[in-house]
Amino acid sequence: MKKSLDEVFKKVENISKKLSVKAIEDAISDIKDKFSSNVFYLVVLGQFKRGKSTFTNYILGIDILPTGVVPLTSVITKVQYSNDVWAKVLFEDGKIDNIDIKELDSYCTEKNNPKNIKKVKEIHIGYPFEFVSNDVVIIDTPGIGSVYKHNTDVAYSYINKADAVIFLLSVDPPISELEKEFLSKISESVKKIFFVLNKIDYVSEIELDEIIKFNENIIKEIAKNDNITIYPISAKLALEGKISKDEKAFKKSKAKKLETDLQNFLMTEKEKVLFESYAKNIDRIISMCKTFIESSIKLKQVPLERLQKNINAFEDFIRKVEKNKSEIYLLFKGDMKNILQNFDERAEEYKQYLSMRVSERTKEHYNSISKLSRIVQKRELEKYVEKTIVEEFEIIKMEIEMDIEKQYNVALSNYFSRINEVIDEIKSVADELFGINLEYFKWEDGFTASSKFTYKIGYDVEALEVDPVIFTYFLPKKIAGKIILNGIVNRIHVDIDRNLGRIRYDLLRRIEESFSGFEKDMNLKLQFMFETIKNLLAKAKSDYELDKDSFQKEKALYQELLKNIYELESQLNDIIAKN
């Protein structure tokens, strides 16, 4: 059966070469890369911090993929079966480096590869895991909705490449708006989705039942499928149980049912799903070719006078779109301004809390160094305060960023809704005026800028400034110690205030860069739609400049291509029906 699909695909590829449409050529290339090796892509998808890498480690039975509370860069990690353990880094320029498995975090974590400055395209890992068959490739993707925009882009780009998806949710919190949008897109493209609810060890059984029912109802509505199974597990406990061979921990993880169902699926249905995925992708290319050819033929039949009139009407419409864009920009700017104002309102609360925490810890620490000399006391206290401020700020900074992301995601949902309304209108007008059908454009992104925040703590003593600790030598050591301690403590609120200001500036800069990125992104994608229409229109107008014989030959060529596409579509449907 696959051989029959290969023959159809080859014919479609030949037709696409005659059309010379970049979008079709790119789609053809993706399919060739995916299906030439006949591997099965099991793709792990989900929002940032749902525990995807921990889950993938559990599937493999070893803790090799980096995990943590910070998001990974936009790097895809593919794990395939191999008798030997190996790892390769594929770079954007085509270079490939063999690395030790222990070096993975140097390439795929934001800490060691900020903003993917090393230009890593993918990481491939070979490992003798026993969970699935040899021709299955497990793909760990970056999480959507983090502060790193390209993570979301990369995750979305793998939807069409997936043969089956493990969609990871977690109990903290239940399904979000961004996840709903993401799942809606996945459901359109992927037939088999395993819904996994992770981190069940965080809640009670009663809470878990409520969360499962809540998510189940939403997923049924989004996926338009009442036959939904949610697998509640703790990937952390499942991994611990596998590594330490602790049956009690593994049983507590509740991962056994998922493991059994996934293995049964891969043994009994994998080939069928792979066949359907290949057929679905060929059908998508056929639809793209058919749309382009049909639109071209329709335009060749429109009288020149009417064509020009409709072109003028479309240009008027584009001016209206430009106005709508300006309104969307203003609304988005207003949302970003509100996020910053919310931060300002909470800043005083953060300041009081941090000052109290750092002061209490500093006073407590002083008891352990009170017997040291005055100079050493001061130096040790300053070092301790710097370390403590950073520690306390890191905790609250994460809370601040999560709060900002939550507000930002709401703003993004509104933004996407407005943009897609504009896109829908463009599609409708293009169809009405010219009979051109456009593929529905839709996209989701996150922050386009990463943090450049650094801490600033303490002050430098100027050359002519006398260090106050010198005057304490004229006082008893106990009193001197209190003066030194109070001097350090009294300066803590200054450092706290200064660093809150730096966080605010960092957020402002990132928001402004994000806005700039969105504006550019929106313009590029709308421009792509306009250019697609304009190219078709320009081709239609140029046809009128051909002599009658050339025009008829051009028209006959497209009609022949359309006839071939219809035949291939029918042939593909017959192959699918027989499978």
Protein backbone atom coordinates (compact mmCIF):
# COMPACT_ATOMS: atom_id res chain seq x y z
CA MET A 1 0.00 0.00 0.00
CA LYS A 2 2.82 2.40 0.79
CA LYS A 3 4.22 1.79 -2.68
CA SER A 4 0.91 3.02 -4.13
CA LEU A 5 1.15 6.18 -2.04
CA ASP A 6 4.74 6.68 -3.19
CA GLU A 7 3.57 6.63 -6.82
CA VAL A 8 0.83 9.22 -6.14
CA PHE A 9 3.28 11.40 -4.24
CA LYS A 10 5.80 11.31 -7.10
CA LYS A 11 3.14 12.46 -9.59
CA VAL A 12 2.01 15.27 -7.28
CA GLU A 13 5.63 16.37 -6.89
CA ASN A 14 6.00 16.55 -10.70
CA ILE A 15 2.89 18.75 -10.95
CA SER A 16 4.14 21.02 -8.17
CA LYS A 17 7.38 21.65 -10.10
CA LYS A 18 5.35 23.06 -13.01
CA LEU A 19 3.52 25.43 -10.65
CA SER A 20 6.69 26.78 -8.93
CA VAL A 21 4.88 27.83 -5.72
CA LYS A 22 7.24 28.08 -2.74
CA ALA A 23 4.66 27.04 -0.10
CA ILE A 24 3.93 23.85 -2.05
CA GLU A 25 7.63 23.14 -2.63
CA ASP A 26 8.35 23.50 1.13
CA ALA A 27 5.50 21.11 2.01
CA ILE A 28 6.78 18.56 -0.53
CA SER A 29 10.27 18.74 1.00
CA ASP A 30 8.90 18.15 4.53
CA ILE A 31 7.00 15.04 3.42
CA LYS A 32 10.06 13.59 1.67
CA ASP A 33 12.17 14.11 4.79
CA LYS A 34 9.55 12.53 7.02
CA PHE A 35 8.38 9.46 5.09
CA SER A 36 11.48 8.35 3.15
CA SER A 37 12.81 6.54 6.25
CA ASN A 38 9.36 5.19 7.28
CA VAL A 39 9.85 6.06 10.95
CA PHE A 40 7.00 6.74 13.35
CA TYR A 41 7.07 10.13 15.10
CA LEU A 42 5.68 10.01 18.64
CA VAL A 43 5.70 13.69 19.58
CA VAL A 44 5.45 14.97 23.16
CA LEU A 45 3.66 18.34 23.15
CA GLY A 46 2.36 20.69 25.82
CA GLN A 47 2.69 23.97 27.61
CA PHE A 48 5.85 25.12 29.37
CA LYS A 49 6.41 23.52 32.80
CA ARG A 50 4.04 20.58 32.28
CA GLY A 51 6.94 18.14 32.73
CA LYS A 52 7.51 16.99 29.13
CA SER A 53 11.22 16.21 29.50
CA THR A 54 10.67 14.37 32.79
CA PHE A 55 7.92 12.38 31.07
CA THR A 56 10.20 11.53 28.13
CA ASN A 57 12.92 10.46 30.57
CA TYR A 58 10.38 8.12 32.21
CA ILE A 59 9.48 6.61 28.81
CA LEU A 60 13.20 6.02 28.15
CA GLY A 61 13.77 4.71 31.67
CA ILE A 62 16.76 6.97 32.33
CA ASP A 63 17.31 10.56 33.41
CA ILE A 64 19.16 11.92 30.35
CA LEU A 65 17.13 14.89 29.08
CA PRO A 66 17.73 18.13 31.03
CA THR A 67 14.78 19.20 33.19
CA GLY A 68 14.10 22.14 35.48
CA VAL A 69 11.94 25.14 36.29
CA VAL A 70 13.32 27.30 33.47
CA PRO A 71 12.26 26.73 29.84
CA LEU A 72 14.50 25.04 27.30
CA THR A 73 15.56 26.85 24.15
CA SER A 74 13.79 26.17 20.85
CA VAL A 75 15.60 22.87 20.30
CA ILE A 76 13.91 19.67 19.18
CA THR A 77 15.29 16.50 20.76
CA LYS A 78 14.78 13.24 18.83
CA VAL A 79 15.42 9.95 20.59
CA GLN A 80 15.70 6.75 18.54
CA TYR A 81 16.54 3.17 19.40
CA SER A 82 20.20 2.20 19.24
CA ASN A 83 22.27 -0.60 20.74
CA ASP A 84 24.87 2.03 21.62
CA VAL A 85 24.39 5.29 23.54
CA TRP A 86 25.25 8.38 21.49
CA ALA A 87 24.25 11.99 20.94
CA LYS A 88 24.61 14.35 17.98
CA VAL A 89 24.05 18.09 17.74
CA LEU A 90 22.76 19.31 14.37
CA PHE A 91 23.46 22.99 13.76
CA GLU A 92 21.56 25.42 11.54
CA ASP A 93 24.54 25.71 9.16
CA GLY A 94 24.50 21.93 8.51
CA LYS A 95 27.42 21.07 10.80
CA ILE A 96 27.06 17.97 13.02
CA ASP A 97 28.97 17.42 16.28
CA ASN A 98 29.15 14.13 18.18
CA ILE A 99 28.91 14.82 21.91
CA ASP A 100 28.85 12.92 25.17
CA ILE A 101 25.34 12.30 26.49
CA LYS A 102 26.30 14.21 29.66
CA GLU A 103 26.88 17.37 27.61
CA LEU A 104 23.26 17.74 26.48
CA ASP A 105 22.47 20.66 28.79
CA SER A 106 25.26 22.67 27.15
CA TYR A 107 23.16 22.84 23.98
CA CYS A 108 19.46 22.62 24.90
CA THR A 109 19.02 24.66 28.09
CA GLU A 110 18.47 28.39 28.25
CA LYS A 111 21.12 28.64 30.96
CA ASN A 112 23.95 27.28 28.80
CA ASN A 113 22.60 28.23 25.36
CA PRO A 114 20.72 31.53 25.88
CA LYS A 115 18.44 32.45 22.96
CA ASN A 116 20.04 29.51 21.12
CA ILE A 117 23.21 31.54 20.42
CA LYS A 118 24.93 28.29 19.44
CA LYS A 119 22.46 27.98 16.52
CA VAL A 120 21.40 24.43 17.36
CA LYS A 121 18.73 23.04 15.00
CA GLU A 122 18.09 19.64 16.60
CA ILE A 123 19.61 17.13 18.99
CA HIS A 124 19.54 13.43 18.08
CA ILE A 125 20.04 10.74 20.71
CA GLY A 126 20.52 7.01 20.34
CA TYR A 127 19.60 4.86 23.33
CA PRO A 128 18.63 1.17 23.87
CA PHE A 129 15.23 1.87 25.45
CA GLU A 130 12.82 -1.07 25.68
CA PHE A 131 9.54 0.79 25.87
CA VAL A 132 8.71 1.04 22.16
CA SER A 133 9.71 -0.60 18.88
CA ASN A 134 12.90 0.25 17.03
CA ASP A 135 11.32 2.35 14.27
CA VAL A 136 9.64 4.76 16.71
CA VAL A 137 11.29 8.15 17.23
CA ILE A 138 10.30 9.97 20.41
CA ILE A 139 10.37 13.75 19.93
CA ASP A 140 10.61 16.06 22.93
CA THR A 141 9.51 19.59 21.97
CA PRO A 142 9.93 22.97 23.68
CA GLY A 143 6.89 24.13 25.63
CA ILE A 144 4.43 26.66 24.29
CA GLY A 145 3.57 29.80 26.27
CA SER A 146 7.00 30.40 27.83
CA VAL A 147 8.78 33.75 27.61
CA TYR A 148 10.81 32.45 24.66
CA LYS A 149 8.87 33.04 21.43
CA HIS A 150 10.63 30.47 19.26
CA ASN A 151 9.75 27.63 21.67
CA THR A 152 6.13 28.09 20.66
CA ASP A 153 7.03 28.36 16.96
CA VAL A 154 9.01 25.11 17.05
CA ALA A 155 6.28 23.23 18.93
CA TYR A 156 3.63 24.33 16.40
CA SER A 157 5.87 23.39 13.48
CA TYR A 158 5.89 19.74 14.61
CA ILE A 159 2.12 19.27 14.65
CA ASN A 160 1.94 18.29 10.96
CA LYS A 161 4.97 16.00 11.35
CA ALA A 162 3.46 13.98 14.23
CA ASP A 163 2.04 10.49 13.67
CA ALA A 164 0.75 10.35 17.23
CA VAL A 165 0.88 12.89 20.04
CA ILE A 166 1.28 12.66 23.79
CA PHE A 167 -0.38 15.87 24.97
CA LEU A 168 0.87 16.67 28.45
CA LEU A 169 -1.31 18.57 30.90
CA SER A 170 -0.73 19.00 34.62
CA VAL A 171 -2.77 19.67 37.74
CA ASP A 172 -1.10 23.06 38.33
CA PRO A 173 -3.28 24.60 36.94
CA PRO A 174 -5.78 22.67 34.78
CA ILE A 175 -5.99 23.34 31.02
CA SER A 176 -5.26 26.96 30.04
CA GLU A 177 -6.54 29.12 27.17
CA LEU A 178 -3.26 28.75 25.25
CA GLU A 179 -3.45 24.96 25.65
CA LYS A 180 -7.02 25.00 24.30
CA GLU A 181 -5.88 26.84 21.16
CA PHE A 182 -2.88 24.52 20.81
CA LEU A 183 -5.02 21.40 21.26
CA SER A 184 -7.55 22.68 18.71
CA LYS A 185 -4.76 22.91 16.11
CA ILE A 186 -3.40 19.44 17.05
CA SER A 187 -6.88 17.85 16.81
CA GLU A 188 -7.23 19.14 13.24
CA SER A 189 -4.04 17.36 12.14
CA VAL A 190 -3.41 14.34 14.39
CA LYS A 191 -5.79 11.42 14.73
CA LYS A 192 -4.27 9.67 17.77
CA ILE A 193 -3.68 11.79 20.88
CA PHE A 194 -2.81 10.41 24.33
CA PHE A 195 -3.93 12.91 26.96
CA VAL A 196 -1.65 12.69 30.00
CA LEU A 197 -2.38 14.60 33.22
CA ASN A 198 0.94 14.95 35.01
CA LYS A 199 1.98 15.89 38.59
CA ILE A 200 -0.89 14.05 40.29
CA ASP A 201 1.30 13.71 43.39
CA TYR A 202 0.59 17.43 44.01
CA VAL A 203 -3.14 16.94 44.77
CA SER A 204 -5.51 14.73 46.75
CA GLU A 205 -7.67 12.02 45.15
CA ILE A 206 -10.79 14.20 45.48
CA GLU A 207 -9.07 17.16 43.82
CA LEU A 208 -7.71 14.87 41.11
CA ASP A 209 -11.19 13.57 40.22
CA GLU A 210 -12.47 17.14 39.89
CA ILE A 211 -9.54 18.17 37.68
CA ILE A 212 -9.95 15.11 35.41
CA LYS A 213 -13.68 15.79 34.92
CA PHE A 214 -13.03 19.49 34.26
CA ASN A 215 -10.33 18.78 31.65
CA GLU A 216 -12.29 15.90 30.12
CA ASN A 217 -15.32 18.08 29.34
CA ILE A 218 -13.17 20.79 27.76
CA ILE A 219 -11.10 18.32 25.69
CA LYS A 220 -14.23 16.56 24.37
CA GLU A 221 -15.58 19.89 23.17
CA ILE A 222 -12.30 21.00 21.55
CA ALA A 223 -11.46 17.64 19.95
CA LYS A 224 -15.12 17.06 18.96
CA ASN A 225 -14.75 13.53 20.29
CA ASP A 226 -16.59 11.99 23.23
CA ASN A 227 -14.26 8.98 23.34
CA ILE A 228 -11.52 10.68 25.38
CA THR A 229 -9.23 9.00 27.90
CA ILE A 230 -7.14 11.06 30.32
CA TYR A 231 -4.21 9.23 31.90
CA PRO A 232 -3.42 10.68 35.36
CA ILE A 233 0.23 10.05 36.25
CA SER A 234 3.24 11.35 38.13
CA ALA A 235 6.12 11.25 35.64
CA LYS A 236 8.53 12.10 38.46
CA LEU A 237 7.50 9.07 40.54
CA ALA A 238 7.38 6.84 37.45
CA LEU A 239 10.94 7.85 36.54
CA GLU A 240 12.16 7.35 40.12
CA GLY A 241 10.45 3.95 40.22
CA LYS A 242 12.07 2.82 36.97
CA ILE A 243 15.57 4.03 37.79
CA SER A 244 15.63 2.64 41.36
CA LYS A 245 13.43 -0.38 40.48
CA ASP A 246 11.06 0.77 43.23
CA GLU A 247 7.75 -0.97 42.48
CA LYS A 248 5.96 0.97 45.21
CA ALA A 249 6.94 4.34 43.69
CA PHE A 250 5.99 3.17 40.18
CA LYS A 251 2.61 1.91 41.38
CA LYS A 252 2.00 5.23 43.13
CA SER A 253 2.75 7.04 39.84
CA LYS A 254 -0.29 5.32 38.21
CA ALA A 255 1.64 5.17 34.92
CA LYS A 256 1.01 1.45 34.23
CA LYS A 257 -2.26 1.90 32.28
CA LEU A 258 -0.75 4.55 30.01
CA GLU A 259 2.30 2.37 29.46
CA THR A 260 0.19 -0.65 28.53
CA ASP A 261 -2.16 1.26 26.22
CA LEU A 262 0.70 3.07 24.49
CA GLN A 263 2.64 -0.14 23.90
CA ASN A 264 -0.47 -1.91 22.56
CA PHE A 265 -1.14 0.99 20.21
CA LEU A 266 2.41 0.99 18.88
CA MET A 267 2.34 -2.79 18.34
CA THR A 268 -1.09 -3.04 16.70
CA GLU A 269 -1.96 0.32 15.12
CA LYS A 270 1.34 2.04 14.36
CA GLU A 271 1.57 0.93 10.70
CA LYS A 272 -2.01 1.96 10.04
CA VAL A 273 -1.46 5.38 11.60
CA LEU A 274 1.77 5.86 9.63
CA PHE A 275 -0.07 5.00 6.40
CA GLU A 276 -2.93 7.40 7.24
CA SER A 277 -0.46 10.15 8.13
CA TYR A 278 1.35 9.75 4.80
CA ALA A 279 -1.96 9.77 2.91
CA LYS A 280 -3.17 12.82 4.83
CA ASN A 281 -0.02 14.76 3.97
CA ILE A 282 -0.29 13.85 0.28
CA ASP A 283 -3.92 14.95 0.35
CA ARG A 284 -2.84 18.28 1.83
CA ILE A 285 -0.41 18.85 -1.07
CA ILE A 286 -3.08 17.88 -3.60
CA SER A 287 -5.45 20.42 -2.01
CA MET A 288 -2.79 23.14 -2.18
CA CYS A 289 -2.11 22.41 -5.88
CA LYS A 290 -5.82 22.23 -6.68
CA THR A 291 -6.51 25.57 -4.96
CA PHE A 292 -3.74 27.32 -6.86
CA ILE A 293 -4.69 25.85 -10.25
CA GLU A 294 -8.43 26.46 -9.83
CA SER A 295 -7.81 30.07 -8.80
CA SER A 296 -5.56 30.62 -11.82
CA ILE A 297 -8.15 29.16 -14.23
CA LYS A 298 -10.96 31.28 -12.73
CA LEU A 299 -8.90 34.43 -13.11
CA LYS A 300 -8.17 33.62 -16.78
CA GLN A 301 -11.93 33.67 -17.41
CA VAL A 302 -12.56 37.08 -15.84
CA PRO A 303 -12.87 39.93 -18.40
CA LEU A 304 -9.98 42.36 -18.16
CA GLU A 305 -12.23 45.33 -17.31
CA ARG A 306 -13.91 43.49 -14.46
CA LEU A 307 -10.59 42.10 -13.25
CA GLN A 308 -9.13 45.61 -13.05
CA LYS A 309 -12.24 46.87 -11.23
CA ASN A 310 -11.94 44.09 -8.65
CA ILE A 311 -8.22 44.75 -8.27
CA ASN A 312 -9.04 48.39 -7.45
CA ALA A 313 -11.66 47.22 -4.95
CA PHE A 314 -9.10 44.90 -3.34
CA GLU A 315 -6.59 47.73 -3.04
CA ASP A 316 -9.26 49.78 -1.24
CA PHE A 317 -9.81 46.82 1.06
CA ILE A 318 -6.07 46.61 1.82
CA ARG A 319 -6.17 50.24 2.97
CA LYS A 320 -9.01 49.29 5.33
CA VAL A 321 -6.90 46.41 6.66
CA GLU A 322 -4.06 48.84 7.34
CA LYS A 323 -6.44 50.91 9.47
CA ASN A 324 -7.56 47.78 11.36
CA LYS A 325 -3.93 46.92 11.97
CA SER A 326 -3.34 50.32 13.58
CA GLU A 327 -6.34 49.78 15.87
CA ILE A 328 -5.05 46.34 16.88
CA TYR A 329 -1.63 47.82 17.65
CA LEU A 330 -3.23 50.42 19.93
CA LEU A 331 -5.30 47.81 21.77
CA PHE A 332 -2.26 45.57 22.20
CA LYS A 333 -0.20 48.50 23.48
CA GLY A 334 -2.96 49.24 26.00
CA ASP A 335 -2.87 45.64 27.25
CA MET A 336 0.91 45.82 27.69
CA LYS A 337 0.61 49.12 29.58
CA ASN A 338 -1.92 47.52 31.95
CA ILE A 339 0.49 44.64 32.68
CA LEU A 340 3.19 47.16 33.67
CA GLN A 341 0.75 49.13 35.84
CA ASN A 342 -0.23 45.93 37.66
CA PHE A 343 3.44 45.31 38.40
CA ASP A 344 3.83 48.87 39.77
CA GLU A 345 0.84 48.36 42.07
CA ARG A 346 2.43 45.25 43.58
CA ALA A 347 5.98 46.60 43.73
CA GLU A 348 5.60 48.08 47.24
CA GLU A 349 4.25 44.76 48.49
CA TYR A 350 7.25 42.94 46.98
CA LYS A 351 9.62 45.51 48.49
CA GLN A 352 8.27 45.12 52.04
CA TYR A 353 8.26 41.33 51.85
CA LEU A 354 11.80 41.06 50.44
CA SER A 355 13.23 43.62 52.88
CA MET A 356 11.72 41.72 55.80
CA ARG A 357 12.96 38.31 54.58
CA VAL A 358 16.53 39.46 53.84
CA SER A 359 16.77 41.45 57.10
CA GLU A 360 15.59 38.50 59.21
CA ARG A 361 18.03 36.10 57.55
CA THR A 362 20.92 38.59 57.86
CA LYS A 363 20.32 39.14 61.59
CA GLU A 364 20.15 35.40 62.13
CA HIS A 365 23.38 34.88 60.18
CA TYR A 366 25.17 37.55 62.22
CA ASN A 367 25.05 35.31 65.31
CA SER A 368 27.37 32.85 63.56
CA ILE A 369 30.03 35.50 62.75
CA SER A 370 29.77 37.86 65.76
CA LYS A 371 33.10 36.65 67.16
CA LEU A 372 35.03 37.60 64.03
CA SER A 373 36.94 40.87 63.66
CA ARG A 374 35.03 44.02 62.71
CA ILE A 375 36.40 44.16 59.13
CA VAL A 376 35.69 40.45 58.56
CA GLN A 377 32.18 40.83 60.06
CA LYS A 378 31.36 43.60 57.61
CA ARG A 379 32.83 41.73 54.65
CA GLU A 380 31.01 38.50 55.54
CA LEU A 381 27.70 40.32 56.10
CA GLU A 382 27.97 42.10 52.75
CA LYS A 383 28.67 38.81 50.96
CA TYR A 384 25.81 37.12 52.80
CA VAL A 385 23.36 39.95 52.02
CA GLU A 386 24.28 39.85 48.33
CA LYS A 387 23.76 36.08 48.19
CA THR A 388 20.50 36.26 50.17
CA ILE A 389 19.03 39.08 48.07
CA VAL A 390 19.72 37.10 44.90
CA GLU A 391 18.17 33.94 46.40
CA GLU A 392 15.03 35.72 47.61
CA PHE A 393 14.72 37.69 44.37
CA GLU A 394 15.02 34.53 42.26
CA ILE A 395 12.06 33.00 44.11
CA ILE A 396 9.85 36.06 43.80
CA LYS A 397 11.13 36.89 40.31
CA MET A 398 9.82 33.54 39.11
CA GLU A 399 6.45 34.33 40.72
CA ILE A 400 6.45 37.76 39.05
CA GLU A 401 7.28 36.28 35.64
CA MET A 402 4.57 33.62 35.96
CA ASP A 403 2.06 36.32 36.91
CA ILE A 404 3.18 38.47 33.97
CA GLU A 405 2.96 35.47 31.62
CA LYS A 406 -0.58 34.76 32.81
CA GLN A 407 -1.64 38.34 32.03
CA TYR A 408 0.35 38.26 28.81
CA ASN A 409 -1.40 35.08 27.65
CA VAL A 410 -4.79 36.74 28.09
CA ALA A 411 -3.57 39.68 26.00
CA LEU A 412 -2.22 37.25 23.39
CA SER A 413 -5.56 35.44 23.12
CA ASN A 414 -7.27 38.75 22.40
CA TYR A 415 -4.54 39.66 19.91
CA PHE A 416 -4.80 36.34 18.04
CA SER A 417 -8.59 36.62 17.91
CA ARG A 418 -8.42 40.08 16.34
CA ILE A 419 -5.68 39.13 13.87
CA ASN A 420 -7.52 36.00 12.76
CA GLU A 421 -10.68 38.07 12.21
CA VAL A 422 -8.66 40.25 9.83
CA ILE A 423 -7.28 37.15 8.10
CA ASP A 424 -10.77 35.68 7.78
CA GLU A 425 -11.95 38.89 6.17
CA ILE A 426 -9.04 38.87 3.70
CA LYS A 427 -9.89 35.29 2.79
CA SER A 428 -13.56 36.16 2.30
CA VAL A 429 -12.86 39.23 0.15
CA ALA A 430 -10.31 37.36 -2.01
CA ASP A 431 -12.88 34.62 -2.61
CA GLU A 432 -15.69 37.09 -3.33
CA LEU A 433 -13.75 39.31 -5.74
CA PHE A 434 -11.55 36.75 -7.50
CA GLY A 435 -12.67 33.26 -6.47
CA ILE A 436 -9.31 32.76 -4.75
CA ASN A 437 -9.35 30.34 -1.82
CA LEU A 438 -6.56 30.90 0.71
CA GLU A 439 -5.36 28.45 3.29
CA TYR A 440 -6.40 29.72 6.70
CA PHE A 441 -3.47 31.41 8.40
CA LYS A 442 -3.33 31.18 12.16
CA TRP A 443 -0.43 31.50 14.57
CA GLU A 444 0.43 31.74 18.25
CA ASP A 445 3.57 33.20 19.79
CA GLY A 446 5.05 34.28 23.11
CA PHE A 447 7.56 36.86 24.30
CA THR A 448 10.06 37.64 21.55
CA ALA A 449 12.69 38.90 23.99
CA SER A 450 14.64 37.09 26.68
CA SER A 451 15.65 38.62 29.95
CA LYS A 452 18.86 40.62 30.20
CA PHE A 453 18.27 41.30 33.91
CA THR A 454 21.32 41.37 36.21
CA TYR A 455 21.43 42.18 39.91
CA LYS A 456 23.06 45.31 41.33
CA ILE A 457 23.80 45.06 45.06
CA GLY A 458 25.89 47.13 47.48
CA TYR A 459 28.04 50.14 46.67
CA ASP A 460 31.72 50.74 46.02
CA VAL A 461 33.72 52.85 48.49
CA GLU A 462 35.15 55.87 46.68
CA ALA A 463 38.85 56.65 46.92
CA LEU A 464 38.43 59.52 49.43
CA GLU A 465 35.50 57.97 51.29
CA VAL A 466 36.31 56.58 54.77
CA ASP A 467 34.80 53.18 55.54
CA PRO A 468 32.48 53.70 58.61
CA VAL A 469 33.70 50.44 60.17
CA ILE A 470 36.97 52.22 61.11
CA PHE A 471 35.17 54.38 63.70
CA THR A 472 33.83 51.28 65.49
CA TYR A 473 37.34 50.46 66.70
CA PHE A 474 36.87 53.14 69.37
CA LEU A 475 33.81 51.27 70.71
CA PRO A 476 33.31 47.98 72.60
CA LYS A 477 33.13 45.01 70.23
CA LYS A 478 29.50 44.18 71.09
CA ILE A 479 28.28 47.71 70.38
CA ALA A 480 30.50 47.90 67.30
CA GLY A 481 28.95 44.68 65.98
CA LYS A 482 25.44 46.09 66.34
CA ILE A 483 26.44 49.25 64.48
CA ILE A 484 27.97 47.20 61.65
CA LEU A 485 24.88 44.95 61.50
CA ASN A 486 22.43 47.88 61.54
CA GLY A 487 24.42 49.66 58.85
CA ILE A 488 24.15 46.63 56.58
CA VAL A 489 20.47 45.98 57.40
CA ASN A 490 19.49 49.63 56.88
CA ARG A 491 20.91 49.49 53.38
CA ILE A 492 18.95 46.35 52.38
CA HIS A 493 15.80 48.25 51.37
CA VAL A 494 17.92 50.40 49.02
CA ASP A 495 19.22 47.29 47.23
CA ILE A 496 15.72 45.79 47.11
CA ASP A 497 14.25 48.97 45.65
CA ARG A 498 17.07 49.27 43.11
CA ASN A 499 16.61 45.69 41.86
CA LEU A 500 12.82 45.97 41.67
CA GLY A 501 13.46 48.98 39.45
CA ARG A 502 15.80 46.89 37.31
CA ILE A 503 13.16 44.14 37.01
CA ARG A 504 10.60 46.76 35.96
CA TYR A 505 12.95 48.11 33.31
CA ASP A 506 13.68 44.59 32.10
CA LEU A 507 9.94 43.84 31.79
CA LEU A 508 9.33 47.14 30.00
CA ARG A 509 12.13 46.42 27.52
CA ARG A 510 10.90 42.89 26.88
CA ILE A 511 7.30 44.05 26.40
CA GLU A 512 8.43 46.72 23.94
CA GLU A 513 10.57 44.21 22.03
CA SER A 514 7.68 41.74 22.03
CA PHE A 515 5.36 44.38 20.62
CA SER A 516 7.91 45.23 17.95
CA GLY A 517 8.23 41.53 17.12
CA PHE A 518 4.47 41.08 16.85
CA GLU A 519 4.15 44.11 14.61
CA LYS A 520 6.84 42.78 12.30
CA ASP A 521 5.42 39.25 12.39
CA MET A 522 1.91 40.44 11.59
CA ASN A 523 3.12 42.60 8.70
CA LEU A 524 5.15 39.75 7.21
CA LYS A 525 2.28 37.27 7.34
CA LEU A 526 -0.31 39.68 5.99
CA GLN A 527 2.18 40.70 3.31
CA PHE A 528 2.61 37.03 2.39
CA MET A 529 -1.16 36.70 1.91
CA PHE A 530 -1.32 39.89 -0.14
CA GLU A 531 1.65 38.81 -2.26
CA THR A 532 0.03 35.42 -2.95
CA ILE A 533 -3.08 37.19 -4.23
CA LYS A 534 -1.10 39.82 -6.14
CA ASN A 535 1.02 37.16 -7.86
CA LEU A 536 -2.10 35.38 -9.05
CA LEU A 537 -3.60 38.68 -10.22
CA ALA A 538 -0.39 39.73 -11.97
CA LYS A 539 -0.27 36.35 -13.74
CA ALA A 540 -3.91 36.78 -14.81
CA LYS A 541 -3.25 40.29 -16.20
CA SER A 542 -0.09 39.20 -18.00
CA ASP A 543 -2.08 36.43 -19.69
CA TYR A 544 -4.15 39.12 -21.41
CA GLU A 545 -0.97 40.40 -23.03
CA LEU A 546 -0.30 37.03 -24.64
CA ASP A 547 -1.41 36.37 -28.18
CA LYS A 548 -4.51 34.25 -28.52
CA ASP A 549 -2.65 31.00 -29.23
CA SER A 550 -0.27 31.41 -26.26
CA PHE A 551 -3.17 32.31 -23.98
CA GLN A 552 -5.08 29.21 -25.01
CA LYS A 553 -1.98 27.03 -24.56
CA GLU A 554 -1.44 28.44 -21.05
CA LYS A 555 -5.10 27.90 -20.21
CA ALA A 556 -5.01 24.36 -21.64
CA LEU A 557 -1.90 23.56 -19.56
CA TYR A 558 -3.59 24.56 -16.32
CA GLN A 559 -6.77 22.66 -17.25
CA GLU A 560 -4.66 19.58 -17.94
CA LEU A 561 -2.86 19.99 -14.60
CA LEU A 562 -6.21 20.35 -12.83
CA LYS A 563 -7.49 17.20 -14.56
CA ASN A 564 -4.34 15.35 -13.39
CA ILE A 565 -4.83 16.62 -9.84
CA TYR A 566 -8.46 15.42 -9.80
CA GLU A 567 -7.34 11.99 -11.03
CA LEU A 568 -4.65 11.81 -8.33
CA GLU A 569 -7.17 12.87 -5.70
CA SER A 570 -9.51 10.08 -6.82
CA GLN A 571 -6.63 7.59 -6.92
CA LEU A 572 -5.59 8.57 -3.40
CA ASN A 573 -9.16 8.15 -2.10
CA ASP A 574 -9.32 4.66 -3.65
CA ILE A 575 -6.06 3.67 -1.95
CA ILE A 576 -7.30 4.97 1.41
CA ALA A 577 -10.66 3.16 1.02
CA LYS A 578 -8.90 -0.18 0.33
CA ASN A 579 -6.58 0.13 3.35
